[in-house]
Amino acid sequence: MMFSDAFVAIADPNRRYLLEELRRGPKTVNELAAGLPVSRPAVSQHLKVLLDAGLVNAKAEGTRRVYTVSN
């Protein structure tokens, strides 16, 4: 991970919200989308940016992906 990528990733307020929610514990896209005024696909796109920056991890559980903050 490059630090510039992480700073770009957290520049968006929606992504900062997602990180704060994930600090409280693992969550699915549906759980995360419930607290934001954007669609589930938009939340998925924000999570992709956070994944690419190495700030969050995703784990498949059946048909769902559960997201957590990276260590």
PDB file of N, CA and C in Angstrom:
ATOM      1  N   MET A   1       0.841  -1.183   0.000  1.00  0.00           N
ATOM      2  CA  MET A   1       0.000   0.000   0.000  1.00  0.00           C
ATOM      3  C   MET A   1       0.881   1.240   0.000  1.00  0.00           C
ATOM      4  N   MET A   2       0.526   2.172  -0.825  1.00  0.00           N
ATOM      5  CA  MET A   2       1.213   3.457  -0.823  1.00  0.00           C
ATOM      6  C   MET A   2       0.387   4.424   0.015  1.00  0.00           C
ATOM      7  N   PHE A   3       1.069   5.280   0.763  1.00  0.00           N
ATOM      8  CA  PHE A   3       0.354   6.212   1.618  1.00  0.00           C
ATOM      9  C   PHE A   3      -0.541   7.143   0.822  1.00  0.00           C
ATOM     10  N   SER A   4      -0.110   7.535  -0.379  1.00  0.00           N
ATOM     11  CA  SER A   4      -0.942   8.429  -1.183  1.00  0.00           C
ATOM     12  C   SER A   4      -2.259   7.753  -1.545  1.00  0.00           C
ATOM     13  N   ASP A   5      -2.236   6.440  -1.790  1.00  0.00           N
ATOM     14  CA  ASP A   5      -3.468   5.708  -2.081  1.00  0.00           C
ATOM     15  C   ASP A   5      -4.409   5.737  -0.881  1.00  0.00           C
ATOM     16  N   ALA A   6      -3.864   5.556   0.310  1.00  0.00           N
ATOM     17  CA  ALA A   6      -4.682   5.567   1.517  1.00  0.00           C
ATOM     18  C   ALA A   6      -5.300   6.945   1.734  1.00  0.00           C
ATOM     19  N   PHE A   7      -4.530   8.005   1.503  1.00  0.00           N
ATOM     20  CA  PHE A   7      -5.066   9.345   1.682  1.00  0.00           C
ATOM     21  C   PHE A   7      -6.155   9.650   0.654  1.00  0.00           C
ATOM     22  N   VAL A   8      -5.961   9.210  -0.561  1.00  0.00           N
ATOM     23  CA  VAL A   8      -6.989   9.394  -1.593  1.00  0.00           C
ATOM     24  C   VAL A   8      -8.245   8.617  -1.197  1.00  0.00           C
ATOM     25  N   ALA A   9      -8.061   7.410  -0.682  1.00  0.00           N
ATOM     26  CA  ALA A   9      -9.194   6.567  -0.305  1.00  0.00           C
ATOM     27  C   ALA A   9     -10.017   7.188   0.816  1.00  0.00           C
ATOM     28  N   ILE A  10      -9.363   7.803   1.792  1.00  0.00           N
ATOM     29  CA  ILE A  10     -10.120   8.362   2.916  1.00  0.00           C
ATOM     30  C   ILE A  10     -10.543   9.810   2.692  1.00  0.00           C
ATOM     31  N   ALA A  11     -10.265  10.344   1.518  1.00  0.00           N
ATOM     32  CA  ALA A  11     -10.663  11.718   1.215  1.00  0.00           C
ATOM     33  C   ALA A  11     -12.182  11.858   1.112  1.00  0.00           C
ATOM     34  N   ASP A  12     -12.865  10.787   0.767  1.00  0.00           N
ATOM     35  CA  ASP A  12     -14.315  10.824   0.600  1.00  0.00           C
ATOM     36  C   ASP A  12     -15.006  10.586   1.948  1.00  0.00           C
ATOM     37  N   PRO A  13     -15.978  11.419   2.310  1.00  0.00           N
ATOM     38  CA  PRO A  13     -16.652  11.253   3.600  1.00  0.00           C
ATOM     39  C   PRO A  13     -17.403   9.922   3.731  1.00  0.00           C
ATOM     40  N   ASN A  14     -17.928   9.403   2.624  1.00  0.00           N
ATOM     41  CA  ASN A  14     -18.610   8.106   2.687  1.00  0.00           C
ATOM     42  C   ASN A  14     -17.635   6.992   3.047  1.00  0.00           C
ATOM     43  N   ARG A  15     -16.431   7.056   2.518  1.00  0.00           N
ATOM     44  CA  ARG A  15     -15.432   6.034   2.831  1.00  0.00           C
ATOM     45  C   ARG A  15     -14.962   6.147   4.277  1.00  0.00           C
ATOM     46  N   ARG A  16     -14.853   7.366   4.771  1.00  0.00           N
ATOM     47  CA  ARG A  16     -14.496   7.529   6.189  1.00  0.00           C
ATOM     48  C   ARG A  16     -15.583   6.938   7.071  1.00  0.00           C
ATOM     49  N   TYR A  17     -16.837   7.135   6.692  1.00  0.00           N
ATOM     50  CA  TYR A  17     -17.952   6.540   7.437  1.00  0.00           C
ATOM     51  C   TYR A  17     -17.844   5.014   7.423  1.00  0.00           C
ATOM     52  N   LEU A  18     -17.557   4.442   6.262  1.00  0.00           N
ATOM     53  CA  LEU A  18     -17.424   2.985   6.154  1.00  0.00           C
ATOM     54  C   LEU A  18     -16.306   2.473   7.057  1.00  0.00           C
ATOM     55  N   LEU A  19     -15.179   3.163   7.073  1.00  0.00           N
ATOM     56  CA  LEU A  19     -14.077   2.755   7.945  1.00  0.00           C
ATOM     57  C   LEU A  19     -14.474   2.819   9.413  1.00  0.00           C
ATOM     58  N   GLU A  20     -15.176   3.866   9.799  1.00  0.00           N
ATOM     59  CA  GLU A  20     -15.616   3.990  11.189  1.00  0.00           C
ATOM     60  C   GLU A  20     -16.568   2.857  11.562  1.00  0.00           C
ATOM     61  N   GLU A  21     -17.473   2.522  10.669  1.00  0.00           N
ATOM     62  CA  GLU A  21     -18.407   1.423  10.933  1.00  0.00           C
ATOM     63  C   GLU A  21     -17.669   0.092  11.041  1.00  0.00           C
ATOM     64  N   LEU A  22     -16.691  -0.110  10.192  1.00  0.00           N
ATOM     65  CA  LEU A  22     -15.939  -1.370  10.217  1.00  0.00           C
ATOM     66  C   LEU A  22     -15.028  -1.455  11.440  1.00  0.00           C
ATOM     67  N   ARG A  23     -14.644  -0.328  12.001  1.00  0.00           N
ATOM     68  CA  ARG A  23     -13.867  -0.357  13.247  1.00  0.00           C
ATOM     69  C   ARG A  23     -14.684  -0.955  14.383  1.00  0.00           C
ATOM     70  N   ARG A  24     -16.008  -0.839  14.293  1.00  0.00           N
ATOM     71  CA  ARG A  24     -16.903  -1.381  15.321  1.00  0.00           C
ATOM     72  C   ARG A  24     -17.086  -2.884  15.180  1.00  0.00           C
ATOM     73  N   GLY A  25     -16.742  -3.423  14.009  1.00  0.00           N
ATOM     74  CA  GLY A  25     -16.860  -4.860  13.789  1.00  0.00           C
ATOM     75  C   GLY A  25     -17.137  -5.181  12.343  1.00  0.00           C
ATOM     76  N   PRO A  26     -17.002  -6.467  11.970  1.00  0.00           N
ATOM     77  CA  PRO A  26     -17.239  -6.899  10.591  1.00  0.00           C
ATOM     78  C   PRO A  26     -18.680  -6.632  10.160  1.00  0.00           C
ATOM     79  N   LYS A  27     -18.834  -6.253   8.896  1.00  0.00           N
ATOM     80  CA  LYS A  27     -20.164  -5.967   8.365  1.00  0.00           C
ATOM     81  C   LYS A  27     -20.249  -6.335   6.894  1.00  0.00           C
ATOM     82  N   THR A  28     -21.466  -6.596   6.439  1.00  0.00           N
ATOM     83  CA  THR A  28     -21.730  -6.855   5.026  1.00  0.00           C
ATOM     84  C   THR A  28     -22.058  -5.537   4.322  1.00  0.00           C
ATOM     85  N   VAL A  29     -22.138  -5.584   3.004  1.00  0.00           N
ATOM     86  CA  VAL A  29     -22.489  -4.386   2.225  1.00  0.00           C
ATOM     87  C   VAL A  29     -23.874  -3.890   2.631  1.00  0.00           C
ATOM     88  N   ASN A  30     -24.824  -4.804   2.809  1.00  0.00           N
ATOM     89  CA  ASN A  30     -26.179  -4.390   3.196  1.00  0.00           C
ATOM     90  C   ASN A  30     -26.183  -3.667   4.535  1.00  0.00           C
ATOM     91  N   GLU A  31     -25.430  -4.178   5.489  1.00  0.00           N
ATOM     92  CA  GLU A  31     -25.362  -3.530   6.802  1.00  0.00           C
ATOM     93  C   GLU A  31     -24.722  -2.150   6.694  1.00  0.00           C
ATOM     94  N   LEU A  32     -23.699  -2.032   5.880  1.00  0.00           N
ATOM     95  CA  LEU A  32     -23.024  -0.746   5.704  1.00  0.00           C
ATOM     96  C   LEU A  32     -23.898   0.245   4.941  1.00  0.00           C
ATOM     97  N   ALA A  33     -24.622  -0.233   3.945  1.00  0.00           N
ATOM     98  CA  ALA A  33     -25.453   0.642   3.118  1.00  0.00           C
ATOM     99  C   ALA A  33     -26.619   1.223   3.908  1.00  0.00           C
ATOM    100  N   ALA A  34     -27.036   0.546   4.968  1.00  0.00           N
ATOM    101  CA  ALA A  34     -28.171   1.028   5.756  1.00  0.00           C
ATOM    102  C   ALA A  34     -27.903   2.396   6.372  1.00  0.00           C
ATOM    103  N   GLY A  35     -26.655   2.734   6.627  1.00  0.00           N
ATOM    104  CA  GLY A  35     -26.335   4.010   7.259  1.00  0.00           C
ATOM    105  C   GLY A  35     -25.940   5.112   6.303  1.00  0.00           C
ATOM    106  N   LEU A  36     -25.997   4.852   5.016  1.00  0.00           N
ATOM    107  CA  LEU A  36     -25.571   5.852   4.028  1.00  0.00           C
ATOM    108  C   LEU A  36     -26.705   6.200   3.067  1.00  0.00           C
ATOM    109  N   PRO A  37     -26.723   7.433   2.577  1.00  0.00           N
ATOM    110  CA  PRO A  37     -27.758   7.834   1.614  1.00  0.00           C
ATOM    111  C   PRO A  37     -27.374   7.507   0.171  1.00  0.00           C
ATOM    112  N   VAL A  38     -26.635   6.408  -0.031  1.00  0.00           N
ATOM    113  CA  VAL A  38     -26.237   5.984  -1.376  1.00  0.00           C
ATOM    114  C   VAL A  38     -26.666   4.539  -1.580  1.00  0.00           C
ATOM    115  N   SER A  39     -26.662   4.097  -2.818  1.00  0.00           N
ATOM    116  CA  SER A  39     -27.103   2.748  -3.151  1.00  0.00           C
ATOM    117  C   SER A  39     -26.087   1.695  -2.728  1.00  0.00           C
ATOM    118  N   ARG A  40     -26.546   0.438  -2.691  1.00  0.00           N
ATOM    119  CA  ARG A  40     -25.629  -0.662  -2.374  1.00  0.00           C
ATOM    120  C   ARG A  40     -24.503  -0.771  -3.392  1.00  0.00           C
ATOM    121  N   PRO A  41     -24.784  -0.615  -4.705  1.00  0.00           N
ATOM    122  CA  PRO A  41     -23.668  -0.644  -5.657  1.00  0.00           C
ATOM    123  C   PRO A  41     -22.638   0.463  -5.399  1.00  0.00           C
ATOM    124  N   ALA A  42     -23.106   1.632  -4.977  1.00  0.00           N
ATOM    125  CA  ALA A  42     -22.170   2.723  -4.664  1.00  0.00           C
ATOM    126  C   ALA A  42     -21.323   2.365  -3.445  1.00  0.00           C
ATOM    127  N   VAL A  43     -21.931   1.724  -2.447  1.00  0.00           N
ATOM    128  CA  VAL A  43     -21.172   1.289  -1.267  1.00  0.00           C
ATOM    129  C   VAL A  43     -20.124   0.271  -1.694  1.00  0.00           C
ATOM    130  N   SER A  44     -20.494  -0.639  -2.580  1.00  0.00           N
ATOM    131  CA  SER A  44     -19.536  -1.631  -3.081  1.00  0.00           C
ATOM    132  C   SER A  44     -18.365  -0.962  -3.786  1.00  0.00           C
ATOM    133  N   GLN A  45     -18.635   0.083  -4.554  1.00  0.00           N
ATOM    134  CA  GLN A  45     -17.561   0.806  -5.236  1.00  0.00           C
ATOM    135  C   GLN A  45     -16.641   1.497  -4.235  1.00  0.00           C
ATOM    136  N   HIS A  46     -17.223   2.078  -3.187  1.00  0.00           N
ATOM    137  CA  HIS A  46     -16.404   2.705  -2.148  1.00  0.00           C
ATOM    138  C   HIS A  46     -15.554   1.654  -1.441  1.00  0.00           C
ATOM    139  N   LEU A  47     -16.126   0.495  -1.163  1.00  0.00           N
ATOM    140  CA  LEU A  47     -15.372  -0.578  -0.512  1.00  0.00           C
ATOM    141  C   LEU A  47     -14.239  -1.068  -1.406  1.00  0.00           C
ATOM    142  N   LYS A  48     -14.446  -1.084  -2.712  1.00  0.00           N
ATOM    143  CA  LYS A  48     -13.392  -1.494  -3.644  1.00  0.00           C
ATOM    144  C   LYS A  48     -12.198  -0.548  -3.544  1.00  0.00           C
ATOM    145  N   VAL A  49     -12.458   0.743  -3.442  1.00  0.00           N
ATOM    146  CA  VAL A  49     -11.374   1.719  -3.293  1.00  0.00           C
ATOM    147  C   VAL A  49     -10.613   1.458  -1.994  1.00  0.00           C
ATOM    148  N   LEU A  50     -11.349   1.191  -0.920  1.00  0.00           N
ATOM    149  CA  LEU A  50     -10.706   0.902   0.363  1.00  0.00           C
ATOM    150  C   LEU A  50      -9.921  -0.406   0.309  1.00  0.00           C
ATOM    151  N   LEU A  51     -10.460  -1.401  -0.401  1.00  0.00           N
ATOM    152  CA  LEU A  51      -9.746  -2.675  -0.589  1.00  0.00           C
ATOM    153  C   LEU A  51      -8.455  -2.461  -1.359  1.00  0.00           C
ATOM    154  N   ASP A  52      -8.528  -1.721  -2.452  1.00  0.00           N
ATOM    155  CA  ASP A  52      -7.353  -1.467  -3.289  1.00  0.00           C
ATOM    156  C   ASP A  52      -6.270  -0.698  -2.537  1.00  0.00           C
ATOM    157  N   ALA A  53      -6.683   0.134  -1.590  1.00  0.00           N
ATOM    158  CA  ALA A  53      -5.718   0.892  -0.789  1.00  0.00           C
ATOM    159  C   ALA A  53      -5.181   0.062   0.378  1.00  0.00           C
ATOM    160  N   GLY A  54      -5.728  -1.134   0.561  1.00  0.00           N
ATOM    161  CA  GLY A  54      -5.266  -2.004   1.637  1.00  0.00           C
ATOM    162  C   GLY A  54      -5.802  -1.636   3.006  1.00  0.00           C
ATOM    163  N   LEU A  55      -6.872  -0.850   3.052  1.00  0.00           N
ATOM    164  CA  LEU A  55      -7.420  -0.415   4.329  1.00  0.00           C
ATOM    165  C   LEU A  55      -8.449  -1.382   4.902  1.00  0.00           C
ATOM    166  N   VAL A  56      -9.086  -2.172   4.035  1.00  0.00           N
ATOM    167  CA  VAL A  56     -10.066  -3.162   4.498  1.00  0.00           C
ATOM    168  C   VAL A  56      -9.793  -4.505   3.840  1.00  0.00           C
ATOM    169  N   ASN A  57     -10.343  -5.556   4.448  1.00  0.00           N
ATOM    170  CA  ASN A  57     -10.278  -6.914   3.912  1.00  0.00           C
ATOM    171  C   ASN A  57     -11.696  -7.402   3.676  1.00  0.00           C
ATOM    172  N   ALA A  58     -11.838  -8.354   2.752  1.00  0.00           N
ATOM    173  CA  ALA A  58     -13.135  -8.971   2.489  1.00  0.00           C
ATOM    174  C   ALA A  58     -12.986 -10.487   2.567  1.00  0.00           C
ATOM    175  N   LYS A  59     -13.991 -11.127   3.169  1.00  0.00           N
ATOM    176  CA  LYS A  59     -13.986 -12.576   3.292  1.00  0.00           C
ATOM    177  C   LYS A  59     -15.336 -13.098   2.834  1.00  0.00           C
ATOM    178  N   ALA A  60     -15.326 -14.083   1.950  1.00  0.00           N
ATOM    179  CA  ALA A  60     -16.575 -14.662   1.458  1.00  0.00           C
ATOM    180  C   ALA A  60     -17.157 -15.597   2.509  1.00  0.00           C
ATOM    181  N   GLU A  61     -18.437 -15.412   2.785  1.00  0.00           N
ATOM    182  CA  GLU A  61     -19.189 -16.302   3.667  1.00  0.00           C
ATOM    183  C   GLU A  61     -20.476 -16.650   2.941  1.00  0.00           C
ATOM    184  N   GLY A  62     -20.472 -17.796   2.279  1.00  0.00           N
ATOM    185  CA  GLY A  62     -21.617 -18.164   1.453  1.00  0.00           C
ATOM    186  C   GLY A  62     -21.721 -17.222   0.276  1.00  0.00           C
ATOM    187  N   THR A  63     -22.879 -16.586   0.137  1.00  0.00           N
ATOM    188  CA  THR A  63     -23.084 -15.645  -0.973  1.00  0.00           C
ATOM    189  C   THR A  63     -22.767 -14.211  -0.585  1.00  0.00           C
ATOM    190  N   ARG A  64     -22.343 -14.003   0.657  1.00  0.00           N
ATOM    191  CA  ARG A  64     -22.053 -12.649   1.134  1.00  0.00           C
ATOM    192  C   ARG A  64     -20.558 -12.440   1.282  1.00  0.00           C
ATOM    193  N   ARG A  65     -20.168 -11.189   1.271  1.00  0.00           N
ATOM    194  CA  ARG A  65     -18.786 -10.812   1.590  1.00  0.00           C
ATOM    195  C   ARG A  65     -18.842  -9.982   2.860  1.00  0.00           C
ATOM    196  N   VAL A  66     -18.010 -10.362   3.800  1.00  0.00           N
ATOM    197  CA  VAL A  66     -17.940  -9.655   5.066  1.00  0.00           C
ATOM    198  C   VAL A  66     -16.646  -8.845   5.078  1.00  0.00           C
ATOM    199  N   TYR A  67     -16.792  -7.558   5.391  1.00  0.00           N
ATOM    200  CA  TYR A  67     -15.654  -6.639   5.360  1.00  0.00           C
ATOM    201  C   TYR A  67     -15.174  -6.350   6.770  1.00  0.00           C
ATOM    202  N   THR A  68     -13.854  -6.217   6.901  1.00  0.00           N
ATOM    203  CA  THR A  68     -13.224  -5.867   8.165  1.00  0.00           C
ATOM    204  C   THR A  68     -12.105  -4.865   7.888  1.00  0.00           C
ATOM    205  N   VAL A  69     -11.700  -4.154   8.924  1.00  0.00           N
ATOM    206  CA  VAL A  69     -10.573  -3.226   8.810  1.00  0.00           C
ATOM    207  C   VAL A  69      -9.281  -4.057   8.773  1.00  0.00           C
ATOM    208  N   SER A  70      -8.361  -3.682   7.918  1.00  0.00           N
ATOM    209  CA  SER A  70      -7.063  -4.363   7.837  1.00  0.00           C
ATOM    210  C   SER A  70      -6.241  -4.078   9.073  1.00  0.00           C
ATOM    211  N   ASN A  71      -5.431  -5.041   9.427  1.00  0.00           N
ATOM    212  CA  ASN A  71      -4.517  -4.871  10.573  1.00  0.00           C
ATOM    213  C   ASN A  71      -3.268  -4.164  10.138  1.00  0.00           C
TER     214      ASN A  71
END
